[in-house]
N, C-alpha and C. Protein backbone atom coordinates (compact mmCIF):
# COMPACT_ATOMS: atom_id res chain seq x y z
N MET A 1 22.55 326.27 39.70
CA MET A 1 23.80 326.89 40.07
C MET A 1 24.79 326.67 38.93
N HIS A 2 25.24 327.74 38.32
CA HIS A 2 26.06 327.63 37.12
C HIS A 2 27.53 327.96 37.37
N ILE A 3 27.99 327.86 38.61
CA ILE A 3 29.39 328.09 38.91
C ILE A 3 30.02 326.76 39.26
N ARG A 4 31.20 326.51 38.70
CA ARG A 4 31.89 325.24 38.92
C ARG A 4 33.31 325.50 39.39
N THR A 5 33.97 324.45 39.86
CA THR A 5 35.36 324.55 40.26
C THR A 5 36.22 324.94 39.06
N ASN A 6 37.24 325.76 39.29
CA ASN A 6 38.17 326.28 38.28
C ASN A 6 37.59 327.38 37.41
N ASP A 7 36.36 327.83 37.65
CA ASP A 7 35.83 329.01 36.97
C ASP A 7 36.47 330.26 37.58
N VAL A 8 36.52 331.32 36.80
CA VAL A 8 36.98 332.61 37.32
C VAL A 8 35.73 333.41 37.66
N VAL A 9 35.69 333.94 38.89
CA VAL A 9 34.55 334.72 39.35
C VAL A 9 35.00 336.09 39.83
N ALA A 10 34.08 337.04 39.80
CA ALA A 10 34.32 338.37 40.33
C ALA A 10 33.48 338.54 41.59
N VAL A 11 34.05 339.15 42.62
CA VAL A 11 33.34 339.37 43.88
C VAL A 11 32.51 340.64 43.73
N ARG A 12 31.22 340.56 44.05
CA ARG A 12 30.30 341.68 43.85
C ARG A 12 30.14 342.55 45.09
N THR A 13 30.23 341.97 46.28
CA THR A 13 30.02 342.73 47.51
C THR A 13 31.03 342.34 48.56
N GLY A 14 31.11 343.14 49.61
CA GLY A 14 31.97 342.82 50.73
C GLY A 14 33.31 343.53 50.66
N LYS A 15 34.20 343.15 51.57
CA LYS A 15 35.49 343.84 51.66
C LYS A 15 36.39 343.58 50.46
N ASP A 16 36.16 342.49 49.74
CA ASP A 16 36.97 342.15 48.57
C ASP A 16 36.27 342.47 47.26
N ARG A 17 35.35 343.42 47.27
CA ARG A 17 34.57 343.77 46.08
C ARG A 17 35.50 344.18 44.93
N GLY A 18 35.21 343.63 43.75
CA GLY A 18 35.98 343.95 42.56
C GLY A 18 37.11 342.98 42.28
N GLN A 19 37.47 342.16 43.23
CA GLN A 19 38.56 341.20 43.01
C GLN A 19 38.06 340.02 42.20
N ARG A 20 38.99 339.44 41.46
CA ARG A 20 38.68 338.23 40.69
C ARG A 20 39.56 337.09 41.19
N GLY A 21 39.05 335.89 41.10
CA GLY A 21 39.83 334.74 41.52
C GLY A 21 39.24 333.46 41.00
N LYS A 22 40.02 332.40 41.08
CA LYS A 22 39.60 331.08 40.62
C LYS A 22 38.87 330.37 41.75
N VAL A 23 37.81 329.66 41.40
CA VAL A 23 37.03 328.91 42.38
C VAL A 23 37.80 327.65 42.76
N LEU A 24 38.08 327.51 44.06
CA LEU A 24 38.80 326.34 44.56
C LEU A 24 37.86 325.23 44.99
N GLY A 25 36.68 325.59 45.48
CA GLY A 25 35.73 324.59 45.93
C GLY A 25 34.36 325.19 46.14
N ILE A 26 33.35 324.33 46.14
CA ILE A 26 31.96 324.78 46.30
C ILE A 26 31.28 323.89 47.31
N ASP A 27 30.55 324.51 48.25
CA ASP A 27 29.71 323.78 49.20
C ASP A 27 28.27 324.07 48.80
N ARG A 28 27.68 323.20 48.02
CA ARG A 28 26.35 323.45 47.47
C ARG A 28 25.26 323.44 48.55
N ALA A 29 25.43 322.64 49.57
CA ALA A 29 24.43 322.57 50.64
C ALA A 29 24.36 323.89 51.41
N ALA A 30 25.52 324.47 51.69
CA ALA A 30 25.56 325.73 52.44
C ALA A 30 25.46 326.95 51.52
N GLY A 31 25.60 326.74 50.21
CA GLY A 31 25.55 327.86 49.27
C GLY A 31 26.78 328.75 49.36
N LYS A 32 27.94 328.14 49.58
CA LYS A 32 29.18 328.92 49.73
C LYS A 32 30.21 328.45 48.72
N VAL A 33 31.13 329.37 48.43
CA VAL A 33 32.17 329.10 47.45
C VAL A 33 33.51 329.58 48.00
N LEU A 34 34.57 328.84 47.72
CA LEU A 34 35.91 329.17 48.17
C LEU A 34 36.67 329.72 46.97
N VAL A 35 37.08 331.00 47.04
CA VAL A 35 37.73 331.67 45.92
C VAL A 35 39.18 331.98 46.29
N GLU A 36 40.08 331.72 45.36
CA GLU A 36 41.52 331.92 45.58
C GLU A 36 41.84 333.39 45.81
N GLY A 37 42.47 333.70 46.94
CA GLY A 37 42.91 335.05 47.25
C GLY A 37 41.83 335.99 47.76
N VAL A 38 40.63 335.49 48.02
CA VAL A 38 39.51 336.33 48.45
C VAL A 38 39.06 335.90 49.84
N ASN A 39 38.66 336.86 50.67
CA ASN A 39 38.18 336.65 52.03
C ASN A 39 39.24 335.93 52.87
N ARG A 40 40.46 336.48 52.85
CA ARG A 40 41.56 335.90 53.62
C ARG A 40 41.44 336.31 55.08
N VAL A 41 41.66 335.34 55.97
CA VAL A 41 41.63 335.58 57.41
C VAL A 41 42.90 334.99 58.02
N TYR A 42 43.21 335.42 59.24
CA TYR A 42 44.35 334.87 59.96
C TYR A 42 43.87 333.80 60.92
N LYS A 43 44.53 332.66 60.88
CA LYS A 43 44.25 331.60 61.83
C LYS A 43 45.47 331.51 62.72
N HIS A 44 45.27 331.69 64.01
CA HIS A 44 46.37 331.63 64.96
C HIS A 44 46.69 330.18 65.27
N VAL A 45 47.97 329.84 65.12
CA VAL A 45 48.39 328.45 65.25
C VAL A 45 49.39 328.33 66.39
N ARG A 46 49.18 327.36 67.25
CA ARG A 46 50.08 327.08 68.37
C ARG A 46 51.31 326.34 67.85
N ARG A 47 52.42 326.48 68.53
CA ARG A 47 53.63 325.75 68.14
C ARG A 47 53.42 324.25 68.29
N SER A 48 53.92 323.50 67.32
CA SER A 48 53.82 322.04 67.37
C SER A 48 54.95 321.47 66.52
N GLN A 49 55.03 320.15 66.45
CA GLN A 49 56.06 319.55 65.61
C GLN A 49 55.80 319.84 64.14
N LYS A 50 54.55 319.86 63.78
CA LYS A 50 54.18 320.15 62.39
C LYS A 50 54.46 321.60 62.04
N ASN A 51 54.19 322.50 62.99
CA ASN A 51 54.40 323.93 62.77
C ASN A 51 55.26 324.47 63.91
N PRO A 52 56.60 324.31 63.85
CA PRO A 52 57.46 324.67 64.99
C PRO A 52 57.50 326.17 65.28
N GLN A 53 57.25 326.99 64.28
CA GLN A 53 57.29 328.44 64.47
C GLN A 53 56.04 328.95 65.17
N GLY A 54 54.89 328.40 64.83
CA GLY A 54 53.63 328.91 65.36
C GLY A 54 53.28 330.20 64.65
N GLY A 55 52.39 330.98 65.22
CA GLY A 55 52.06 332.29 64.65
C GLY A 55 50.73 332.32 63.94
N ARG A 56 50.67 333.16 62.89
CA ARG A 56 49.42 333.37 62.17
C ARG A 56 49.51 332.84 60.75
N LEU A 57 48.57 332.00 60.38
CA LEU A 57 48.47 331.50 59.02
C LEU A 57 47.37 332.27 58.29
N SER A 58 47.63 332.68 57.08
CA SER A 58 46.62 333.37 56.28
C SER A 58 45.96 332.35 55.37
N LYS A 59 44.63 332.26 55.43
CA LYS A 59 43.91 331.29 54.61
C LYS A 59 42.61 331.88 54.09
N GLU A 60 42.09 331.30 53.01
CA GLU A 60 40.83 331.75 52.44
C GLU A 60 39.67 331.11 53.19
N MET A 61 38.59 331.86 53.32
CA MET A 61 37.36 331.34 53.90
C MET A 61 36.25 331.42 52.86
N PRO A 62 35.25 330.56 52.95
CA PRO A 62 34.16 330.57 51.97
C PRO A 62 33.34 331.85 52.06
N ILE A 63 32.81 332.28 50.90
CA ILE A 63 31.89 333.42 50.85
C ILE A 63 30.58 332.95 50.23
N GLN A 64 29.55 333.72 50.45
CA GLN A 64 28.22 333.38 49.95
C GLN A 64 28.22 333.35 48.43
N LEU A 65 27.57 332.36 47.87
CA LEU A 65 27.53 332.17 46.43
C LEU A 65 26.86 333.34 45.70
N SER A 66 25.91 333.99 46.37
CA SER A 66 25.22 335.11 45.74
C SER A 66 26.10 336.35 45.64
N ASN A 67 27.25 336.35 46.30
CA ASN A 67 28.15 337.50 46.28
C ASN A 67 29.21 337.42 45.20
N VAL A 68 29.17 336.39 44.37
CA VAL A 68 30.13 336.26 43.28
C VAL A 68 29.38 336.16 41.95
N MET A 69 30.08 336.56 40.89
CA MET A 69 29.51 336.52 39.56
C MET A 69 30.52 335.89 38.61
N LEU A 70 30.08 334.98 37.78
CA LEU A 70 30.94 334.30 36.83
C LEU A 70 31.50 335.29 35.82
N VAL A 71 32.79 335.18 35.50
CA VAL A 71 33.42 336.03 34.49
C VAL A 71 33.49 335.24 33.19
N CYS A 72 32.95 335.82 32.12
CA CYS A 72 32.94 335.18 30.81
C CYS A 72 34.37 335.11 30.26
N THR A 73 34.72 333.99 29.65
CA THR A 73 36.06 333.82 29.08
C THR A 73 36.23 334.61 27.79
N GLN A 74 35.13 334.88 27.08
CA GLN A 74 35.21 335.60 25.80
C GLN A 74 35.24 337.11 25.99
N CYS A 75 34.23 337.66 26.69
CA CYS A 75 34.14 339.13 26.82
C CYS A 75 34.87 339.65 28.05
N GLY A 76 35.24 338.78 29.00
CA GLY A 76 36.02 339.19 30.16
C GLY A 76 35.25 339.99 31.19
N LYS A 77 33.93 339.96 31.14
CA LYS A 77 33.10 340.71 32.08
C LYS A 77 32.31 339.75 32.97
N GLY A 78 31.91 340.25 34.14
CA GLY A 78 31.02 339.48 34.99
C GLY A 78 29.68 339.37 34.31
N THR A 79 29.11 338.19 34.29
CA THR A 79 27.88 337.99 33.54
C THR A 79 26.96 337.00 34.21
N ARG A 80 25.69 337.09 33.87
CA ARG A 80 24.74 336.07 34.25
C ARG A 80 24.87 334.95 33.23
N THR A 81 24.47 333.76 33.62
CA THR A 81 24.57 332.62 32.71
C THR A 81 23.20 332.01 32.49
N GLY A 82 23.09 331.33 31.38
CA GLY A 82 21.87 330.60 31.08
C GLY A 82 22.24 329.21 30.60
N ALA A 83 21.24 328.39 30.37
CA ALA A 83 21.45 327.03 29.86
C ALA A 83 20.71 326.91 28.54
N ARG A 84 21.33 326.25 27.59
CA ARG A 84 20.71 326.04 26.28
C ARG A 84 21.20 324.73 25.70
N GLN A 85 20.49 324.28 24.67
CA GLN A 85 20.88 323.06 23.96
C GLN A 85 21.96 323.43 22.95
N ALA A 86 23.07 322.73 22.98
CA ALA A 86 24.14 322.93 22.01
C ALA A 86 23.77 322.21 20.72
N ALA A 87 24.59 322.39 19.70
CA ALA A 87 24.30 321.81 18.39
C ALA A 87 24.24 320.28 18.44
N GLY A 88 25.09 319.64 19.23
CA GLY A 88 25.11 318.19 19.29
C GLY A 88 24.06 317.59 20.22
N GLY A 89 23.23 318.41 20.82
CA GLY A 89 22.20 317.92 21.72
C GLY A 89 22.58 317.99 23.19
N ALA A 90 23.81 318.39 23.47
CA ALA A 90 24.25 318.52 24.85
C ALA A 90 23.71 319.83 25.44
N LYS A 91 23.64 319.88 26.76
CA LYS A 91 23.20 321.08 27.46
C LYS A 91 24.45 321.85 27.87
N GLU A 92 24.49 323.16 27.61
CA GLU A 92 25.67 323.96 27.92
C GLU A 92 25.31 325.26 28.61
N ARG A 93 26.29 325.82 29.34
CA ARG A 93 26.16 327.15 29.91
C ARG A 93 26.52 328.17 28.84
N TYR A 94 25.92 329.36 28.91
CA TYR A 94 26.31 330.40 27.98
C TYR A 94 26.23 331.76 28.65
N CYS A 95 27.01 332.69 28.12
CA CYS A 95 27.06 334.07 28.62
C CYS A 95 25.86 334.83 28.10
N LYS A 96 25.13 335.50 28.99
CA LYS A 96 23.95 336.24 28.57
C LYS A 96 24.32 337.56 27.89
N LYS A 97 25.56 338.02 28.05
CA LYS A 97 25.98 339.28 27.42
C LYS A 97 26.42 339.07 25.98
N CYS A 98 27.33 338.11 25.77
CA CYS A 98 27.87 337.94 24.42
C CYS A 98 27.40 336.66 23.73
N GLY A 99 26.77 335.75 24.46
CA GLY A 99 26.24 334.53 23.87
C GLY A 99 27.25 333.42 23.71
N ALA A 100 28.46 333.59 24.24
CA ALA A 100 29.49 332.57 24.09
C ALA A 100 29.20 331.36 24.98
N GLY A 101 29.54 330.18 24.50
CA GLY A 101 29.37 328.97 25.28
C GLY A 101 30.44 328.89 26.36
N LEU A 102 30.05 328.47 27.57
CA LEU A 102 30.98 328.42 28.71
C LEU A 102 31.22 327.01 29.22
N GLY A 103 30.90 326.02 28.43
CA GLY A 103 31.16 324.65 28.86
C GLY A 103 29.89 323.83 28.96
N GLU A 104 30.08 322.53 28.87
CA GLU A 104 28.97 321.59 28.87
C GLU A 104 28.48 321.32 30.28
N ILE A 105 27.16 321.29 30.45
CA ILE A 105 26.56 320.95 31.73
C ILE A 105 26.22 319.46 31.77
N ALA A 106 25.59 319.00 30.70
CA ALA A 106 25.17 317.59 30.63
C ALA A 106 25.40 317.08 29.21
N PRO A 107 25.78 315.81 29.07
CA PRO A 107 26.00 315.27 27.72
C PRO A 107 24.68 315.08 26.99
N ALA A 108 24.79 314.85 25.69
CA ALA A 108 23.60 314.62 24.86
C ALA A 108 22.92 313.32 25.27
N ARG A 109 21.61 313.34 25.27
CA ARG A 109 20.84 312.14 25.61
C ARG A 109 20.81 311.19 24.42
N LYS A 110 20.80 309.92 24.74
CA LYS A 110 20.66 308.93 23.70
C LYS A 110 19.18 308.80 23.35
N SER A 111 18.88 308.82 22.08
CA SER A 111 17.48 308.71 21.70
C SER A 111 17.00 307.28 21.88
N LYS A 112 15.76 307.17 22.34
CA LYS A 112 15.18 305.84 22.57
C LYS A 112 14.64 305.28 21.25
N PRO A 113 14.82 304.00 21.03
CA PRO A 113 14.29 303.42 19.78
C PRO A 113 12.75 303.39 19.81
N VAL A 114 12.16 303.63 18.69
CA VAL A 114 10.71 303.65 18.59
C VAL A 114 10.20 302.23 18.38
N MET A 115 9.30 301.81 19.25
CA MET A 115 8.75 300.45 19.14
C MET A 115 7.54 300.51 18.20
N GLY A 116 7.50 299.64 17.23
CA GLY A 116 6.43 299.72 16.26
C GLY A 116 5.64 298.55 16.07
């Protein structure tokens, strides 16, 4: 899974198709992602001390991870991502369209000393 918090994603299907937003959170077990401004629903709230007015609150709900696509920071398009070894030995994400690096996945491994 190559989508992380604070990435910009584009919605591919559903009522919010074509919208872009920042990833607020990811539920990896359920395969869902919470995107800013996407899949907004109304939650009806009863009057209370915390919310004296009551009424309807608009909030984002999670959408399926397969319905979003990462937007490349360089080319600005929705793209598939891959993993490759960076020059320093670290593992990084990259855009399959333009080849730009999209951030480090794992740091470089320390080489083990050779016993002789």
